[in-house]
């Protein structure tokens, strides 16, 4: 098969990127998308987001090594990813041994202890753009992007709208990309609204309106994938990536991923538990299987061969004609 790779002149550079940072922005975009324009985001921010009970990192059906935060970095190092998303503190504790990993610094976080019934969600900043740039330069890290979560419908959404807008501008001024995690959530949002395609399309439209480069959104597994073309359309020139959700059967996951990209017209994926809950070797093969679909246009059967160790992603790439 043939796969057209992007050239620097193909990259859409936002108008708020200063002229002296245009080349840096283009380099970061092409690097984190492997010159395809598509994003394979490995989500490691769950060490805070899913902190309640530590149940997503330790327990039945979860690889024992997942309880060690370094497991995330080992996967990010050896699997084919676009960026590894994690909070700044985790990055500062491990990145000196994993400098080759491309990092997305998650700039705000909250745990899952406080439920909406108790208080509307608000995820506060844990770091600012200047500190990220300083970390990048002083430690010699590859940090092409930052991330921020917004809960639309929360009574605190005005604060998150302001913060997310400022973060995007700050990232672009430094030649970095900005990815928004956007979820309709709060007392004003019903459970049906939270997973409704129209609500999620509205979230995508919000991401486009504040200038995000990519938005990470939920994708209900029981919905017709054709309905989610509305989401990609609402995002316009902002790329849509869908969250992977809780760990599930590998083939079912890859089939849903394929539909997300080639039916729903998403531009990538954001996967956490379906990677890090597996033993290292299996997680790396799953990582490569996901990238085979996301980045390199492969079908589910080929991805399963990679996941099962009967084929390598490198061999698949050797059979692609890159133009």
C-alpha atoms as a PDB file:
ATOM      1  CA  UNK A   1       0.000   0.000   0.000  1.00  0.00           C
ATOM      2  CA  UNK A   2       0.996   3.630  -0.423  1.00  0.00           C
ATOM      3  CA  UNK A   3       0.997   6.131   2.412  1.00  0.00           C
ATOM      4  CA  UNK A   4       1.432   9.842   1.815  1.00  0.00           C
ATOM      5  CA  UNK A   5       3.637  11.461   4.420  1.00  0.00           C
ATOM      6  CA  UNK A   6       3.274  15.119   5.263  1.00  0.00           C
ATOM      7  CA  UNK A   7       5.920  17.631   4.320  1.00  0.00           C
ATOM      8  CA  UNK A   8       6.616  20.798   6.336  1.00  0.00           C
ATOM      9  CA  UNK A   9       4.587  22.885   3.903  1.00  0.00           C
ATOM     10  CA  UNK A  10       1.565  20.602   4.488  1.00  0.00           C
ATOM     11  CA  UNK A  11       1.315  21.493   8.188  1.00  0.00           C
ATOM     12  CA  UNK A  12      -1.351  24.006   9.166  1.00  0.00           C
ATOM     13  CA  UNK A  13       0.364  26.480  11.472  1.00  0.00           C
ATOM     14  CA  UNK A  14      -2.000  28.503  13.711  1.00  0.00           C
ATOM     15  CA  UNK A  15      -1.797  32.277  13.339  1.00  0.00           C
ATOM     16  CA  UNK A  16      -0.812  32.706  17.005  1.00  0.00           C
ATOM     17  CA  UNK A  17       2.479  30.876  16.479  1.00  0.00           C
ATOM     18  CA  UNK A  18       5.194  33.577  16.278  1.00  0.00           C
ATOM     19  CA  UNK A  19       7.250  33.633  13.108  1.00  0.00           C
ATOM     20  CA  UNK A  20      10.401  32.617  14.965  1.00  0.00           C
ATOM     21  CA  UNK A  21       8.583  29.537  16.324  1.00  0.00           C
ATOM     22  CA  UNK A  22       6.968  28.305  13.101  1.00  0.00           C
ATOM     23  CA  UNK A  23       9.747  25.811  12.315  1.00  0.00           C
ATOM     24  CA  UNK A  24       9.629  24.506  15.900  1.00  0.00           C
ATOM     25  CA  UNK A  25       5.857  24.047  15.736  1.00  0.00           C
ATOM     26  CA  UNK A  26       6.121  22.194  12.411  1.00  0.00           C
ATOM     27  CA  UNK A  27       8.911  19.979  13.746  1.00  0.00           C
ATOM     28  CA  UNK A  28       6.855  19.153  16.839  1.00  0.00           C
ATOM     29  CA  UNK A  29       3.713  18.415  14.807  1.00  0.00           C
ATOM     30  CA  UNK A  30       5.497  16.147  12.337  1.00  0.00           C
ATOM     31  CA  UNK A  31       7.447  14.419  15.093  1.00  0.00           C
ATOM     32  CA  UNK A  32       4.492  13.576  17.319  1.00  0.00           C
ATOM     33  CA  UNK A  33       2.387  12.406  14.363  1.00  0.00           C
ATOM     34  CA  UNK A  34       5.228  10.463  12.660  1.00  0.00           C
ATOM     35  CA  UNK A  35       4.744  12.679   9.593  1.00  0.00           C
ATOM     36  CA  UNK A  36       1.221  11.279   9.095  1.00  0.00           C
ATOM     37  CA  UNK A  37      -0.876  14.014  10.706  1.00  0.00           C
ATOM     38  CA  UNK A  38      -2.411  11.365  12.985  1.00  0.00           C
ATOM     39  CA  UNK A  39      -1.834  11.021  16.702  1.00  0.00           C
ATOM     40  CA  UNK A  40      -1.172   7.954  18.841  1.00  0.00           C
ATOM     41  CA  UNK A  41      -1.391   9.333  22.388  1.00  0.00           C
ATOM     42  CA  UNK A  42      -0.331   7.062  25.244  1.00  0.00           C
ATOM     43  CA  UNK A  43      -2.230   8.246  28.327  1.00  0.00           C
ATOM     44  CA  UNK A  44      -0.177   8.003  31.508  1.00  0.00           C
ATOM     45  CA  UNK A  45      -1.994  10.754  33.391  1.00  0.00           C
ATOM     46  CA  UNK A  46      -4.226   8.182  35.102  1.00  0.00           C
ATOM     47  CA  UNK A  47      -1.830   7.808  38.039  1.00  0.00           C
ATOM     48  CA  UNK A  48      -3.637  10.869  39.430  1.00  0.00           C
ATOM     49  CA  UNK A  49      -6.919  10.780  37.536  1.00  0.00           C
ATOM     50  CA  UNK A  50      -7.682   7.189  38.630  1.00  0.00           C
ATOM     51  CA  UNK A  51      -6.089   7.420  42.068  1.00  0.00           C
ATOM     52  CA  UNK A  52      -9.112   6.126  44.011  1.00  0.00           C
ATOM     53  CA  UNK A  53      -8.151   2.718  45.377  1.00  0.00           C
ATOM     54  CA  UNK A  54      -5.282   2.313  42.864  1.00  0.00           C
ATOM     55  CA  UNK A  55      -7.595  -0.265  41.262  1.00  0.00           C
ATOM     56  CA  UNK A  56      -6.543   0.533  37.692  1.00  0.00           C
ATOM     57  CA  UNK A  57      -2.920  -0.338  38.477  1.00  0.00           C
ATOM     58  CA  UNK A  58      -3.149  -3.281  40.839  1.00  0.00           C
ATOM     59  CA  UNK A  59      -5.599  -6.191  41.014  1.00  0.00           C
ATOM     60  CA  UNK A  60      -7.101  -9.123  39.172  1.00  0.00           C
ATOM     61  CA  UNK A  61      -6.320  -9.171  35.469  1.00  0.00           C
ATOM     62  CA  UNK A  62      -3.687  -6.438  35.769  1.00  0.00           C
ATOM     63  CA  UNK A  63       0.002  -7.137  35.232  1.00  0.00           C
ATOM     64  CA  UNK A  64       1.889  -6.872  38.563  1.00  0.00           C
ATOM     65  CA  UNK A  65       4.454  -4.481  37.065  1.00  0.00           C
ATOM     66  CA  UNK A  66       1.686  -1.943  36.362  1.00  0.00           C
ATOM     67  CA  UNK A  67       1.794  -0.898  40.016  1.00  0.00           C
ATOM     68  CA  UNK A  68       5.275   0.553  39.356  1.00  0.00           C
ATOM     69  CA  UNK A  69       5.012   3.963  37.613  1.00  0.00           C
ATOM     70  CA  UNK A  70       8.157   3.163  35.605  1.00  0.00           C
ATOM     71  CA  UNK A  71       6.128   0.562  33.697  1.00  0.00           C
ATOM     72  CA  UNK A  72       4.540   3.472  31.815  1.00  0.00           C
ATOM     73  CA  UNK A  73       7.918   4.829  30.752  1.00  0.00           C
ATOM     74  CA  UNK A  74       9.148   1.429  29.593  1.00  0.00           C
ATOM     75  CA  UNK A  75       6.119   1.091  27.327  1.00  0.00           C
ATOM     76  CA  UNK A  76       6.562   4.637  26.012  1.00  0.00           C
ATOM     77  CA  UNK A  77      10.229   3.963  25.245  1.00  0.00           C
ATOM     78  CA  UNK A  78       9.836   0.740  23.263  1.00  0.00           C
ATOM     79  CA  UNK A  79       6.336   1.003  21.779  1.00  0.00           C
ATOM     80  CA  UNK A  80       5.535   3.174  18.753  1.00  0.00           C
ATOM     81  CA  UNK A  81       3.725   6.212  20.151  1.00  0.00           C
ATOM     82  CA  UNK A  82       3.246   9.838  19.205  1.00  0.00           C
ATOM     83  CA  UNK A  83       3.401  11.312  22.701  1.00  0.00           C
ATOM     84  CA  UNK A  84       3.338  10.023  26.262  1.00  0.00           C
ATOM     85  CA  UNK A  85       1.005  12.120  28.424  1.00  0.00           C
ATOM     86  CA  UNK A  86       1.902  12.419  32.108  1.00  0.00           C
ATOM     87  CA  UNK A  87       1.924  14.918  34.925  1.00  0.00           C
ATOM     88  CA  UNK A  88       5.102  17.007  35.322  1.00  0.00           C
ATOM     89  CA  UNK A  89       6.118  15.468  38.653  1.00  0.00           C
ATOM     90  CA  UNK A  90       6.145  11.961  37.228  1.00  0.00           C
ATOM     91  CA  UNK A  91       8.161  13.152  34.251  1.00  0.00           C
ATOM     92  CA  UNK A  92      10.766  14.815  36.494  1.00  0.00           C
ATOM     93  CA  UNK A  93      11.233  11.583  38.486  1.00  0.00           C
ATOM     94  CA  UNK A  94      11.837   9.283  35.503  1.00  0.00           C
ATOM     95  CA  UNK A  95      12.583  11.226  32.306  1.00  0.00           C
ATOM     96  CA  UNK A  96      16.320  11.420  32.985  1.00  0.00           C
ATOM     97  CA  UNK A  97      16.381   7.693  32.082  1.00  0.00           C
ATOM     98  CA  UNK A  98      13.914   8.025  29.199  1.00  0.00           C
ATOM     99  CA  UNK A  99      15.016  11.111  27.305  1.00  0.00           C
ATOM    100  CA  UNK A 100      14.109   9.591  23.951  1.00  0.00           C
ATOM    101  CA  UNK A 101      10.396   9.565  24.833  1.00  0.00           C
ATOM    102  CA  UNK A 102       8.268  12.417  23.396  1.00  0.00           C
ATOM    103  CA  UNK A 103       6.341  13.907  26.324  1.00  0.00           C
ATOM    104  CA  UNK A 104       3.036  15.697  26.602  1.00  0.00           C
ATOM    105  CA  UNK A 105       2.931  17.490  29.947  1.00  0.00           C
ATOM    106  CA  UNK A 106      -0.538  17.278  31.516  1.00  0.00           C
ATOM    107  CA  UNK A 107      -1.002  20.695  33.091  1.00  0.00           C
ATOM    108  CA  UNK A 108      -4.010  20.045  35.325  1.00  0.00           C
ATOM    109  CA  UNK A 109      -5.313  17.089  37.272  1.00  0.00           C
ATOM    110  CA  UNK A 110      -7.864  15.886  39.767  1.00  0.00           C
ATOM    111  CA  UNK A 111      -8.552  12.500  41.337  1.00  0.00           C
ATOM    112  CA  UNK A 112     -11.742  10.462  40.995  1.00  0.00           C
ATOM    113  CA  UNK A 113     -12.560  10.567  44.722  1.00  0.00           C
ATOM    114  CA  UNK A 114     -14.982  13.510  44.570  1.00  0.00           C
ATOM    115  CA  UNK A 115     -18.110  12.617  42.601  1.00  0.00           C
ATOM    116  CA  UNK A 116     -20.364  15.052  40.725  1.00  0.00           C
ATOM    117  CA  UNK A 117     -23.090  14.529  43.325  1.00  0.00           C
ATOM    118  CA  UNK A 118     -20.737  16.079  45.896  1.00  0.00           C
ATOM    119  CA  UNK A 119     -19.291  18.886  43.763  1.00  0.00           C
ATOM    120  CA  UNK A 120     -19.041  19.822  40.106  1.00  0.00           C
ATOM    121  CA  UNK A 121     -15.674  18.842  38.606  1.00  0.00           C
ATOM    122  CA  UNK A 122     -12.796  21.280  38.353  1.00  0.00           C
ATOM    123  CA  UNK A 123      -9.241  20.278  37.495  1.00  0.00           C
ATOM    124  CA  UNK A 124      -6.734  22.852  38.690  1.00  0.00           C
ATOM    125  CA  UNK A 125      -3.401  23.770  37.147  1.00  0.00           C
ATOM    126  CA  UNK A 126      -0.311  22.081  38.557  1.00  0.00           C
ATOM    127  CA  UNK A 127       2.262  23.841  36.352  1.00  0.00           C
ATOM    128  CA  UNK A 128       2.521  26.765  33.932  1.00  0.00           C
ATOM    129  CA  UNK A 129       3.945  27.058  30.434  1.00  0.00           C
ATOM    130  CA  UNK A 130       7.101  28.886  31.517  1.00  0.00           C
ATOM    131  CA  UNK A 131       7.981  26.064  33.927  1.00  0.00           C
ATOM    132  CA  UNK A 132       7.463  23.490  31.153  1.00  0.00           C
ATOM    133  CA  UNK A 133       9.753  25.369  28.786  1.00  0.00           C
ATOM    134  CA  UNK A 134      12.356  25.619  31.558  1.00  0.00           C
ATOM    135  CA  UNK A 135      12.058  21.874  32.250  1.00  0.00           C
ATOM    136  CA  UNK A 136      12.398  21.091  28.558  1.00  0.00           C
ATOM    137  CA  UNK A 137      15.496  23.229  28.120  1.00  0.00           C
ATOM    138  CA  UNK A 138      17.275  22.429  31.390  1.00  0.00           C
ATOM    139  CA  UNK A 139      16.724  18.649  31.236  1.00  0.00           C
ATOM    140  CA  UNK A 140      17.080  18.327  27.460  1.00  0.00           C
ATOM    141  CA  UNK A 141      13.677  16.663  27.091  1.00  0.00           C
ATOM    142  CA  UNK A 142      11.525  16.276  23.992  1.00  0.00           C
ATOM    143  CA  UNK A 143       8.272  18.009  24.971  1.00  0.00           C
ATOM    144  CA  UNK A 144       6.312  18.781  21.802  1.00  0.00           C
ATOM    145  CA  UNK A 145       2.933  19.277  23.494  1.00  0.00           C
ATOM    146  CA  UNK A 146       0.931  20.124  26.592  1.00  0.00           C
ATOM    147  CA  UNK A 147      -2.495  18.951  27.717  1.00  0.00           C
ATOM    148  CA  UNK A 148      -5.377  20.309  29.784  1.00  0.00           C
ATOM    149  CA  UNK A 149      -8.788  18.919  30.846  1.00  0.00           C
ATOM    150  CA  UNK A 150     -12.031  20.893  30.552  1.00  0.00           C
ATOM    151  CA  UNK A 151     -15.373  19.797  32.046  1.00  0.00           C
ATOM    152  CA  UNK A 152     -18.043  21.562  30.004  1.00  0.00           C
ATOM    153  CA  UNK A 153     -21.253  21.989  31.984  1.00  0.00           C
ATOM    154  CA  UNK A 154     -19.459  22.251  35.312  1.00  0.00           C
ATOM    155  CA  UNK A 155     -20.245  25.352  37.361  1.00  0.00           C
ATOM    156  CA  UNK A 156     -16.502  26.031  37.146  1.00  0.00           C
ATOM    157  CA  UNK A 157     -16.368  25.886  33.353  1.00  0.00           C
ATOM    158  CA  UNK A 158     -15.702  29.635  33.056  1.00  0.00           C
ATOM    159  CA  UNK A 159     -12.372  29.168  34.870  1.00  0.00           C
ATOM    160  CA  UNK A 160     -11.443  26.202  32.696  1.00  0.00           C
ATOM    161  CA  UNK A 161     -12.412  28.035  29.511  1.00  0.00           C
ATOM    162  CA  UNK A 162     -10.134  30.932  30.464  1.00  0.00           C
ATOM    163  CA  UNK A 163      -7.278  28.664  31.521  1.00  0.00           C
ATOM    164  CA  UNK A 164      -7.491  26.424  28.448  1.00  0.00           C
ATOM    165  CA  UNK A 165      -7.478  29.435  26.120  1.00  0.00           C
ATOM    166  CA  UNK A 166      -4.419  30.887  27.837  1.00  0.00           C
ATOM    167  CA  UNK A 167      -2.623  27.541  27.780  1.00  0.00           C
ATOM    168  CA  UNK A 168      -3.158  27.121  24.046  1.00  0.00           C
ATOM    169  CA  UNK A 169      -1.790  30.599  23.349  1.00  0.00           C
ATOM    170  CA  UNK A 170       1.177  29.979  25.637  1.00  0.00           C
ATOM    171  CA  UNK A 171       1.961  26.647  23.999  1.00  0.00           C
ATOM    172  CA  UNK A 172       1.789  28.112  20.514  1.00  0.00           C
ATOM    173  CA  UNK A 173       4.033  31.034  21.490  1.00  0.00           C
ATOM    174  CA  UNK A 174       6.678  28.451  22.355  1.00  0.00           C
ATOM    175  CA  UNK A 175       6.163  26.309  19.252  1.00  0.00           C
ATOM    176  CA  UNK A 176       4.349  23.544  21.149  1.00  0.00           C
ATOM    177  CA  UNK A 177       1.004  21.917  20.443  1.00  0.00           C
ATOM    178  CA  UNK A 178      -1.964  21.875  22.831  1.00  0.00           C
ATOM    179  CA  UNK A 179      -4.299  18.920  23.375  1.00  0.00           C
ATOM    180  CA  UNK A 180      -7.533  19.402  25.316  1.00  0.00           C
ATOM    181  CA  UNK A 181      -9.260  16.583  27.182  1.00  0.00           C
ATOM    182  CA  UNK A 182     -12.947  17.698  26.992  1.00  0.00           C
ATOM    183  CA  UNK A 183     -15.813  16.006  28.814  1.00  0.00           C
ATOM    184  CA  UNK A 184     -19.405  17.244  29.313  1.00  0.00           C
ATOM    185  CA  UNK A 185     -19.791  16.695  33.063  1.00  0.00           C
ATOM    186  CA  UNK A 186     -21.416  18.322  36.063  1.00  0.00           C
ATOM    187  CA  UNK A 187     -24.786  18.698  37.781  1.00  0.00           C
ATOM    188  CA  UNK A 188     -26.157  20.437  34.668  1.00  0.00           C
ATOM    189  CA  UNK A 189     -25.197  17.457  32.486  1.00  0.00           C
ATOM    190  CA  UNK A 190     -27.343  14.307  32.561  1.00  0.00           C
ATOM    191  CA  UNK A 191     -25.795  10.861  32.165  1.00  0.00           C
ATOM    192  CA  UNK A 192     -27.403  10.625  28.725  1.00  0.00           C
ATOM    193  CA  UNK A 193     -26.037  14.030  27.715  1.00  0.00           C
ATOM    194  CA  UNK A 194     -22.541  13.052  28.848  1.00  0.00           C
ATOM    195  CA  UNK A 195     -22.339  10.271  26.244  1.00  0.00           C
ATOM    196  CA  UNK A 196     -24.622  11.809  23.599  1.00  0.00           C
ATOM    197  CA  UNK A 197     -22.955  12.265  20.174  1.00  0.00           C
ATOM    198  CA  UNK A 198     -24.366  15.791  19.883  1.00  0.00           C
ATOM    199  CA  UNK A 199     -22.931  16.787  23.280  1.00  0.00           C
ATOM    200  CA  UNK A 200     -19.560  15.351  22.327  1.00  0.00           C
ATOM    201  CA  UNK A 201     -19.733  17.180  18.996  1.00  0.00           C
ATOM    202  CA  UNK A 202     -20.366  20.346  21.005  1.00  0.00           C
ATOM    203  CA  UNK A 203     -17.232  19.611  23.024  1.00  0.00           C
ATOM    204  CA  UNK A 204     -15.301  19.194  19.766  1.00  0.00           C
ATOM    205  CA  UNK A 205     -16.633  22.539  18.568  1.00  0.00           C
ATOM    206  CA  UNK A 206     -15.477  24.142  21.803  1.00  0.00           C
ATOM    207  CA  UNK A 207     -11.977  22.760  21.266  1.00  0.00           C
ATOM    208  CA  UNK A 208     -11.889  24.242  17.784  1.00  0.00           C
ATOM    209  CA  UNK A 209     -13.171  27.583  19.065  1.00  0.00           C
ATOM    210  CA  UNK A 210     -10.356  28.006  21.578  1.00  0.00           C
ATOM    211  CA  UNK A 211      -7.729  26.891  19.035  1.00  0.00           C
ATOM    212  CA  UNK A 212      -6.711  23.440  20.298  1.00  0.00           C
ATOM    213  CA  UNK A 213      -4.565  21.354  17.967  1.00  0.00           C
ATOM    214  CA  UNK A 214      -6.196  18.105  19.104  1.00  0.00           C
ATOM    215  CA  UNK A 215      -9.123  17.242  21.378  1.00  0.00           C
ATOM    216  CA  UNK A 216      -9.468  14.012  23.352  1.00  0.00           C
ATOM    217  CA  UNK A 217     -13.100  12.976  23.697  1.00  0.00           C
ATOM    218  CA  UNK A 218     -15.118  10.013  24.947  1.00  0.00           C
ATOM    219  CA  UNK A 219     -16.498   7.556  22.431  1.00  0.00           C
ATOM    220  CA  UNK A 220     -19.454   5.454  23.673  1.00  0.00           C
ATOM    221  CA  UNK A 221     -18.869   1.876  22.602  1.00  0.00           C
ATOM    222  CA  UNK A 222     -22.571   1.181  22.017  1.00  0.00           C
ATOM    223  CA  UNK A 223     -23.063   3.956  19.445  1.00  0.00           C
ATOM    224  CA  UNK A 224     -23.181   3.697  15.681  1.00  0.00           C
ATOM    225  CA  UNK A 225     -19.730   4.891  14.509  1.00  0.00           C
ATOM    226  CA  UNK A 226     -21.361   6.792  11.634  1.00  0.00           C
ATOM    227  CA  UNK A 227     -22.992   9.111  14.165  1.00  0.00           C
ATOM    228  CA  UNK A 228     -19.579  10.292  15.269  1.00  0.00           C
ATOM    229  CA  UNK A 229     -18.741  11.785  11.906  1.00  0.00           C
ATOM    230  CA  UNK A 230     -20.635  14.764  13.334  1.00  0.00           C
ATOM    231  CA  UNK A 231     -17.926  15.055  15.999  1.00  0.00           C
ATOM    232  CA  UNK A 232     -15.062  15.230  13.511  1.00  0.00           C
ATOM    233  CA  UNK A 233     -17.011  17.727  11.430  1.00  0.00           C
ATOM    234  CA  UNK A 234     -17.680  19.959  14.433  1.00  0.00           C
ATOM    235  CA  UNK A 235     -13.965  20.004  15.264  1.00  0.00           C
ATOM    236  CA  UNK A 236     -13.076  21.482  11.871  1.00  0.00           C
ATOM    237  CA  UNK A 237      -9.296  21.884  11.625  1.00  0.00           C
ATOM    238  CA  UNK A 238      -8.792  20.564  15.160  1.00  0.00           C
ATOM    239  CA  UNK A 239      -7.940  16.857  15.235  1.00  0.00           C
ATOM    240  CA  UNK A 240     -10.243  14.509  17.175  1.00  0.00           C
ATOM    241  CA  UNK A 241      -8.826  11.584  19.157  1.00  0.00           C
ATOM    242  CA  UNK A 242     -11.070   9.274  21.135  1.00  0.00           C
ATOM    243  CA  UNK A 243     -10.353   7.874  24.593  1.00  0.00           C
ATOM    244  CA  UNK A 244      -9.707   4.132  24.769  1.00  0.00           C
ATOM    245  CA  UNK A 245     -11.750   3.547  27.925  1.00  0.00           C
ATOM    246  CA  UNK A 246     -11.479   0.628  30.318  1.00  0.00           C
ATOM    247  CA  UNK A 247      -9.487  -2.459  29.389  1.00  0.00           C
ATOM    248  CA  UNK A 248     -11.323  -4.768  27.014  1.00  0.00           C
ATOM    249  CA  UNK A 249     -10.753  -7.711  24.665  1.00  0.00           C
ATOM    250  CA  UNK A 250      -7.838  -6.779  22.348  1.00  0.00           C
ATOM    251  CA  UNK A 251      -9.636  -7.623  19.101  1.00  0.00           C
ATOM    252  CA  UNK A 252     -12.771  -5.755  20.162  1.00  0.00           C
ATOM    253  CA  UNK A 253     -10.612  -2.779  21.095  1.00  0.00           C
ATOM    254  CA  UNK A 254      -8.803  -2.774  17.751  1.00  0.00           C
ATOM    255  CA  UNK A 255     -12.078  -3.146  15.843  1.00  0.00           C
ATOM    256  CA  UNK A 256     -13.527  -0.158  17.700  1.00  0.00           C
ATOM    257  CA  UNK A 257     -10.335   1.800  17.058  1.00  0.00           C
ATOM    258  CA  UNK A 258     -10.539   1.046  13.342  1.00  0.00           C
ATOM    259  CA  UNK A 259     -14.157   2.271  13.239  1.00  0.00           C
ATOM    260  CA  UNK A 260     -13.243   5.416  15.161  1.00  0.00           C
ATOM    261  CA  UNK A 261     -10.650   6.396  12.578  1.00  0.00           C
ATOM    262  CA  UNK A 262     -11.986   5.044   9.305  1.00  0.00           C
ATOM    263  CA  UNK A 263     -15.745   5.403   9.895  1.00  0.00           C
ATOM    264  CA  UNK A 264     -16.062   8.168  12.492  1.00  0.00           C
ATOM    265  CA  UNK A 265     -13.144  10.085  10.889  1.00  0.00           C
ATOM    266  CA  UNK A 266     -11.123  10.622  14.041  1.00  0.00           C
ATOM    267  CA  UNK A 267      -7.506  11.608  13.539  1.00  0.00           C
ATOM    268  CA  UNK A 268      -6.085   9.327  16.225  1.00  0.00           C
ATOM    269  CA  UNK A 269      -6.505   7.640  19.588  1.00  0.00           C
ATOM    270  CA  UNK A 270      -5.673   8.115  23.255  1.00  0.00           C
ATOM    271  CA  UNK A 271      -5.036   4.812  25.012  1.00  0.00           C
ATOM    272  CA  UNK A 272      -4.148   4.111  28.641  1.00  0.00           C
ATOM    273  CA  UNK A 273      -5.521   1.055  30.435  1.00  0.00           C
ATOM    274  CA  UNK A 274      -5.621  -1.076  27.282  1.00  0.00           C
ATOM    275  CA  UNK A 275      -1.832  -0.693  27.246  1.00  0.00           C
ATOM    276  CA  UNK A 276      -0.432  -0.248  30.737  1.00  0.00           C
ATOM    277  CA  UNK A 277      -2.494  -3.001  32.407  1.00  0.00           C
ATOM    278  CA  UNK A 278      -0.674  -5.568  30.254  1.00  0.00           C
ATOM    279  CA  UNK A 279       2.790  -7.080  30.866  1.00  0.00           C
ATOM    280  CA  UNK A 280       5.556  -5.086  29.182  1.00  0.00           C
ATOM    281  CA  UNK A 281       6.108  -7.281  26.102  1.00  0.00           C
ATOM    282  CA  UNK A 282       2.383  -7.574  25.471  1.00  0.00           C
ATOM    283  CA  UNK A 283       1.862  -3.856  26.039  1.00  0.00           C
ATOM    284  CA  UNK A 284       4.558  -3.002  23.482  1.00  0.00           C
ATOM    285  CA  UNK A 285       3.001  -5.307  20.890  1.00  0.00           C
ATOM    286  CA  UNK A 286      -0.427  -3.784  21.565  1.00  0.00           C
ATOM    287  CA  UNK A 287       1.103  -0.334  21.244  1.00  0.00           C
ATOM    288  CA  UNK A 288       2.506  -1.252  17.842  1.00  0.00           C
ATOM    289  CA  UNK A 289      -0.804  -2.826  16.798  1.00  0.00           C
ATOM    290  CA  UNK A 290      -2.619   0.409  17.665  1.00  0.00           C
ATOM    291  CA  UNK A 291      -0.091   2.466  15.709  1.00  0.00           C
ATOM    292  CA  UNK A 292      -0.397   0.125  12.734  1.00  0.00           C
ATOM    293  CA  UNK A 293      -4.065   1.113  12.454  1.00  0.00           C
ATOM    294  CA  UNK A 294      -3.774   4.717  13.598  1.00  0.00           C
ATOM    295  CA  UNK A 295      -0.655   5.828  11.753  1.00  0.00           C
ATOM    296  CA  UNK A 296      -0.122   3.369   8.951  1.00  0.00           C
ATOM    297  CA  UNK A 297      -3.591   2.500   7.646  1.00  0.00           C
ATOM    298  CA  UNK A 298      -3.511  -1.200   8.477  1.00  0.00           C
ATOM    299  CA  UNK A 299      -6.591  -3.361   9.025  1.00  0.00           C
ATOM    300  CA  UNK A 300      -7.601  -5.190  12.191  1.00  0.00           C
ATOM    301  CA  UNK A 301      -6.251  -8.561  11.017  1.00  0.00           C
ATOM    302  CA  UNK A 302      -2.778  -7.115  10.483  1.00  0.00           C
ATOM    303  CA  UNK A 303      -2.926  -5.326  13.830  1.00  0.00           C
ATOM    304  CA  UNK A 304      -3.877  -8.586  15.555  1.00  0.00           C
ATOM    305  CA  UNK A 305      -0.913 -10.335  13.943  1.00  0.00           C
ATOM    306  CA  UNK A 306       1.334  -7.672  15.454  1.00  0.00           C
ATOM    307  CA  UNK A 307      -0.323  -7.949  18.859  1.00  0.00           C
ATOM    308  CA  UNK A 308       0.010 -11.741  18.831  1.00  0.00           C
ATOM    309  CA  UNK A 309       3.684 -11.543  17.859  1.00  0.00           C
ATOM    310  CA  UNK A 310       3.295 -13.128  14.420  1.00  0.00           C
ATOM    311  CA  UNK A 311       4.309  -9.926  12.650  1.00  0.00           C
ATOM    312  CA  UNK A 312       6.302  -6.845  13.593  1.00  0.00           C
ATOM    313  CA  UNK A 313       5.386  -3.236  12.929  1.00  0.00           C
ATOM    314  CA  UNK A 314       8.817  -2.714  11.352  1.00  0.00           C
ATOM    315  CA  UNK A 315       8.070  -5.435   8.787  1.00  0.00           C
ATOM    316  CA  UNK A 316       4.689  -3.867   8.061  1.00  0.00           C
ATOM    317  CA  UNK A 317       6.327  -0.493   7.494  1.00  0.00           C
ATOM    318  CA  UNK A 318       8.828  -2.059   5.099  1.00  0.00           C
ATOM    319  CA  UNK A 319       5.879  -3.074   2.911  1.00  0.00           C
ATOM    320  CA  UNK A 320       4.489   0.470   2.768  1.00  0.00           C
ATOM    321  CA  UNK A 321       5.472   2.785  -0.059  1.00  0.00           C
ATOM    322  CA  UNK A 322       5.940   6.179   1.573  1.00  0.00           C
ATOM    323  CA  UNK A 323       5.328   9.054  -0.830  1.00  0.00           C
END
